C-alpha atoms as a PDB file:
ATOM      1  CA  MET A   1     145.179  72.666 133.513  1.00  0.00           C
ATOM      2  CA  ARG A   2     148.329  70.804 134.299  1.00  0.00           C
ATOM      3  CA  LEU A   3     151.991  71.584 134.133  1.00  0.00           C
ATOM      4  CA  LEU A   4     154.157  69.136 132.214  1.00  0.00           C
ATOM      5  CA  LYS A   5     157.332  68.487 134.209  1.00  0.00           C
ATOM      6  CA  SER A   6     159.562  67.583 131.312  1.00  0.00           C
ATOM      7  CA  THR A   7     159.065  70.740 129.265  1.00  0.00           C
ATOM      8  CA  GLY A   8     157.865  73.199 131.848  1.00  0.00           C
ATOM      9  CA  THR A   9     155.009  74.339 129.577  1.00  0.00           C
ATOM     10  CA  LEU A  10     151.460  74.846 130.627  1.00  0.00           C
ATOM     11  CA  VAL A  11     148.945  72.698 128.756  1.00  0.00           C
ATOM     12  CA  GLY A  12     145.234  73.244 129.166  1.00  0.00           C
ATOM     13  CA  ILE A  13     141.963  72.542 127.460  1.00  0.00           C
ATOM     14  CA  THR A  14     139.308  75.205 127.365  1.00  0.00           C
ATOM     15  CA  PHE A  15     135.698  74.344 126.707  1.00  0.00           C
ATOM     16  CA  VAL A  16     133.540  77.062 125.269  1.00  0.00           C
ATOM     17  CA  LEU A  17     129.795  76.673 125.320  1.00  0.00           C
ATOM     18  CA  LEU A  18     128.147  78.625 122.561  1.00  0.00           C
ATOM     19  CA  SER A  19     124.498  79.471 122.654  1.00  0.00           C
ATOM     20  CA  CYS A  20     122.621  80.249 119.482  1.00  0.00           C
ATOM     21  CA  SER A  21     120.004  82.141 121.414  1.00  0.00           C
ATOM     22  CA  SER A  22     120.715  85.707 122.407  1.00  0.00           C
ATOM     23  CA  SER A  23     117.526  85.788 124.517  1.00  0.00           C
ATOM     24  CA  LYS A  24     116.226  83.349 127.070  1.00  0.00           C
ATOM     25  CA  VAL A  25     112.862  83.323 128.811  1.00  0.00           C
ATOM     26  CA  ILE A  26     113.434  82.796 132.524  1.00  0.00           C
ATOM     27  CA  SER A  27     109.802  82.523 133.605  1.00  0.00           C
ATOM     28  CA  THR A  28     106.214  83.217 132.605  1.00  0.00           C
ATOM     29  CA  GLU A  29     103.563  83.786 135.225  1.00  0.00           C
ATOM     30  CA  LYS A  30      99.810  84.343 135.222  1.00  0.00           C
ATOM     31  CA  ILE A  31      98.399  86.050 138.306  1.00  0.00           C
ATOM     32  CA  GLU A  32      94.671  86.133 139.031  1.00  0.00           C
ATOM     33  CA  VAL A  33      94.051  89.383 140.915  1.00  0.00           C
ATOM     34  CA  THR A  34      90.899  89.768 143.001  1.00  0.00           C
ATOM     35  CA  PRO A  35      90.469  93.429 144.032  1.00  0.00           C
ATOM     36  CA  GLY A  36      89.534  94.198 147.623  1.00  0.00           C
ATOM     37  CA  VAL A  37      86.910  96.748 146.589  1.00  0.00           C
ATOM     38  CA  SER A  38      83.481  95.212 146.028  1.00  0.00           C
ATOM     39  CA  ASN A  39      82.648  97.163 142.850  1.00  0.00           C
ATOM     40  CA  SER A  40      85.932  96.233 141.098  1.00  0.00           C
ATOM     41  CA  GLU A  41      86.327  93.272 138.776  1.00  0.00           C
ATOM     42  CA  LEU A  42      88.741  90.384 138.708  1.00  0.00           C
ATOM     43  CA  TYR A  43      91.636  90.789 136.267  1.00  0.00           C
ATOM     44  CA  TYR A  44      94.736  88.873 135.209  1.00  0.00           C
ATOM     45  CA  ARG A  45      98.331  90.054 135.253  1.00  0.00           C
ATOM     46  CA  PHE A  46     100.879  88.329 133.036  1.00  0.00           C
ATOM     47  CA  VAL A  47     104.590  88.568 133.883  1.00  0.00           C
ATOM     48  CA  ILE A  48     107.403  87.432 131.579  1.00  0.00           C
ATOM     49  CA  GLU A  49     111.070  87.523 132.630  1.00  0.00           C
ATOM     50  CA  VAL A  50     113.584  87.576 129.793  1.00  0.00           C
ATOM     51  CA  LYS A  51     117.382  87.532 129.854  1.00  0.00           C
ATOM     52  CA  THR A  52     118.978  89.202 126.838  1.00  0.00           C
ATOM     53  CA  ARG A  53     122.616  89.006 125.772  1.00  0.00           C
ATOM     54  CA  LYS A  54     122.377  91.766 123.162  1.00  0.00           C
ATOM     55  CA  GLU A  55     120.719  95.135 122.787  1.00  0.00           C
ATOM     56  CA  THR A  56     117.006  94.413 122.385  1.00  0.00           C
ATOM     57  CA  ASN A  57     113.773  96.058 121.294  1.00  0.00           C
ATOM     58  CA  PHE A  58     110.624  94.414 122.659  1.00  0.00           C
ATOM     59  CA  LYS A  59     108.328  94.683 119.643  1.00  0.00           C
ATOM     60  CA  SER A  60     105.072  93.007 120.672  1.00  0.00           C
ATOM     61  CA  ILE A  61     103.329  90.444 122.853  1.00  0.00           C
ATOM     62  CA  SER A  62     100.312  88.439 121.763  1.00  0.00           C
ATOM     63  CA  LEU A  63      97.958  86.134 123.645  1.00  0.00           C
ATOM     64  CA  TYR A  64      95.516  83.859 121.759  1.00  0.00           C
ATOM     65  CA  SER A  65      96.763  85.538 118.548  1.00  0.00           C
ATOM     66  CA  GLU A  66      95.587  88.958 119.774  1.00  0.00           C
ATOM     67  CA  GLU A  67      98.243  91.617 120.101  1.00  0.00           C
ATOM     68  CA  ILE A  68      98.688  93.304 123.475  1.00  0.00           C
ATOM     69  CA  LYS A  69      98.875  97.035 122.772  1.00  0.00           C
ATOM     70  CA  THR A  70     100.479  98.230 126.000  1.00  0.00           C
ATOM     71  CA  PHE A  71     102.928  96.507 128.292  1.00  0.00           C
ATOM     72  CA  SER A  72     105.586  97.710 130.685  1.00  0.00           C
ATOM     73  CA  VAL A  73     109.251  96.762 130.754  1.00  0.00           C
ATOM     74  CA  THR A  74     111.141  96.731 134.067  1.00  0.00           C
ATOM     75  CA  ASP A  75     114.884  96.266 134.446  1.00  0.00           C
ATOM     76  CA  VAL A  76     115.152  93.600 137.163  1.00  0.00           C
ATOM     77  CA  LEU A  77     118.549  94.857 138.378  1.00  0.00           C
ATOM     78  CA  THR A  78     117.640  98.550 138.808  1.00  0.00           C
ATOM     79  CA  ASN A  79     113.856  98.086 139.158  1.00  0.00           C
ATOM     80  CA  LEU A  80     113.338 101.020 136.754  1.00  0.00           C
ATOM     81  CA  GLN A  81     110.204 100.780 134.632  1.00  0.00           C
ATOM     82  CA  SER A  82     109.453 102.172 131.186  1.00  0.00           C
ATOM     83  CA  ASP A  83     107.229 101.538 128.225  1.00  0.00           C
ATOM     84  CA  SER A  84     108.203  99.171 125.426  1.00  0.00           C
ATOM     85  CA  LYS A  85     109.202 101.875 122.942  1.00  0.00           C
ATOM     86  CA  LYS A  86     112.959 101.977 123.393  1.00  0.00           C
ATOM     87  CA  SER A  87     116.033  99.836 122.948  1.00  0.00           C
ATOM     88  CA  TYR A  88     117.395  98.063 126.023  1.00  0.00           C
ATOM     89  CA  PRO A  89     120.993  96.940 126.702  1.00  0.00           C
ATOM     90  CA  LYS A  90     121.707  93.342 127.636  1.00  0.00           C
ATOM     91  CA  GLY A  91     120.236  92.345 130.977  1.00  0.00           C
ATOM     92  CA  ILE A  92     117.227  90.767 132.658  1.00  0.00           C
ATOM     93  CA  TYR A  93     113.839  92.383 132.053  1.00  0.00           C
ATOM     94  CA  ARG A  94     110.329  91.837 133.390  1.00  0.00           C
ATOM     95  CA  LEU A  95     107.501  92.452 130.912  1.00  0.00           C
ATOM     96  CA  GLN A  96     104.012  92.918 132.396  1.00  0.00           C
ATOM     97  CA  PHE A  97     100.509  93.498 131.128  1.00  0.00           C
ATOM     98  CA  GLU A  98      97.001  93.182 132.533  1.00  0.00           C
ATOM     99  CA  LEU A  99      93.773  91.907 130.971  1.00  0.00           C
ATOM    100  CA  THR A 100      90.201  91.886 132.202  1.00  0.00           C
ATOM    101  CA  LYS A 101      88.478  88.600 132.911  1.00  0.00           C
ATOM    102  CA  GLU A 102      86.460  88.882 129.672  1.00  0.00           C
ATOM    103  CA  LYS A 103      89.615  88.976 127.537  1.00  0.00           C
ATOM    104  CA  VAL A 104      91.125  85.844 129.078  1.00  0.00           C
ATOM    105  CA  ASN A 105      89.772  82.597 127.695  1.00  0.00           C
ATOM    106  CA  GLU A 106      89.541  80.037 130.497  1.00  0.00           C
ATOM    107  CA  THR A 107      89.123  77.075 128.131  1.00  0.00           C
ATOM    108  CA  LYS A 108      92.220  77.744 126.009  1.00  0.00           C
ATOM    109  CA  LYS A 109      95.796  77.209 127.092  1.00  0.00           C
ATOM    110  CA  ASP A 110      97.649  80.445 127.590  1.00  0.00           C
ATOM    111  CA  ILE A 111     100.147  80.663 124.738  1.00  0.00           C
ATOM    112  CA  LEU A 112     102.117  83.888 124.641  1.00  0.00           C
ATOM    113  CA  LYS A 113     104.170  85.063 121.686  1.00  0.00           C
ATOM    114  CA  LEU A 114     106.917  87.588 122.247  1.00  0.00           C
ATOM    115  CA  SER A 115     108.467  89.382 119.297  1.00  0.00           C
ATOM    116  CA  ILE A 116     111.855  91.024 119.851  1.00  0.00           C
ATOM    117  CA  LYS A 117     114.374  92.691 117.586  1.00  0.00           C
ATOM    118  CA  GLN A 118     118.139  92.276 118.017  1.00  0.00           C
ATOM    119  CA  GLN A 119     120.737  93.523 115.531  1.00  0.00           C
ATOM    120  CA  GLU A 120     118.133  94.020 112.792  1.00  0.00           C
ATOM    121  CA  LYS A 121     116.811  90.452 113.260  1.00  0.00           C
ATOM    122  CA  THR A 122     113.275  89.828 114.467  1.00  0.00           C
ATOM    123  CA  ILE A 123     112.947  86.829 116.792  1.00  0.00           C
ATOM    124  CA  LEU A 124     109.617  85.245 117.756  1.00  0.00           C
ATOM    125  CA  LEU A 125     109.514  83.375 121.072  1.00  0.00           C
ATOM    126  CA  THR A 126     106.514  81.140 121.884  1.00  0.00           C
ATOM    127  CA  LEU A 127     105.882  80.741 125.607  1.00  0.00           C
ATOM    128  CA  LYS A 128     103.649  78.678 127.858  1.00  0.00           C
ATOM    129  CA  ILE A 129     102.663  79.809 131.335  1.00  0.00           C
ATOM    130  CA  ASP A 130     104.821  77.985 133.880  1.00  0.00           C
ATOM    131  CA  LYS A 131     103.443  79.555 137.090  1.00  0.00           C
ATOM    132  CA  PHE A 132      99.946  80.478 138.231  1.00  0.00           C
ATOM    133  CA  LYS A 133      98.953  82.184 141.433  1.00  0.00           C
ATOM    134  CA  THR A 134      96.004  84.007 142.941  1.00  0.00           C
ATOM    135  CA  VAL A 135      96.325  87.338 144.735  1.00  0.00           C
ATOM    136  CA  LYS A 136      93.556  88.940 146.776  1.00  0.00           C
ATOM    137  CA  LEU A 137      93.990  92.665 147.333  1.00  0.00           C
ATOM    138  CA  ARG A 138      92.690  94.354 150.476  1.00  0.00           C
END
């Protein structure tokens, strides 16, 4: 902004960036978990972080076109966890689910589909895994 000397009025230009998306995926992560107990089996944990700008219902997650029945939703700010059955205010949320080794196809690329509902509109987000790590429990 600048002040014009001759008139004494304040002249300014404001830029407004509008985003069509009311939800943004921050990250997607696949974690290979090796249990420390010898009779336990390897499993995979998938973590999706989503930033929402409106009240949101997380409807479903699918991997390889198979729907994931249960997943947890954690508010990143408060670290409070719940199931996916309720409506959430705007914020950043971490969605997590686990699958056994048999249910994860090693030859296919991991394509996740997240279905959310905001203001009576259903939005389908297609995601690729952007991080992979291995964790060995003790």
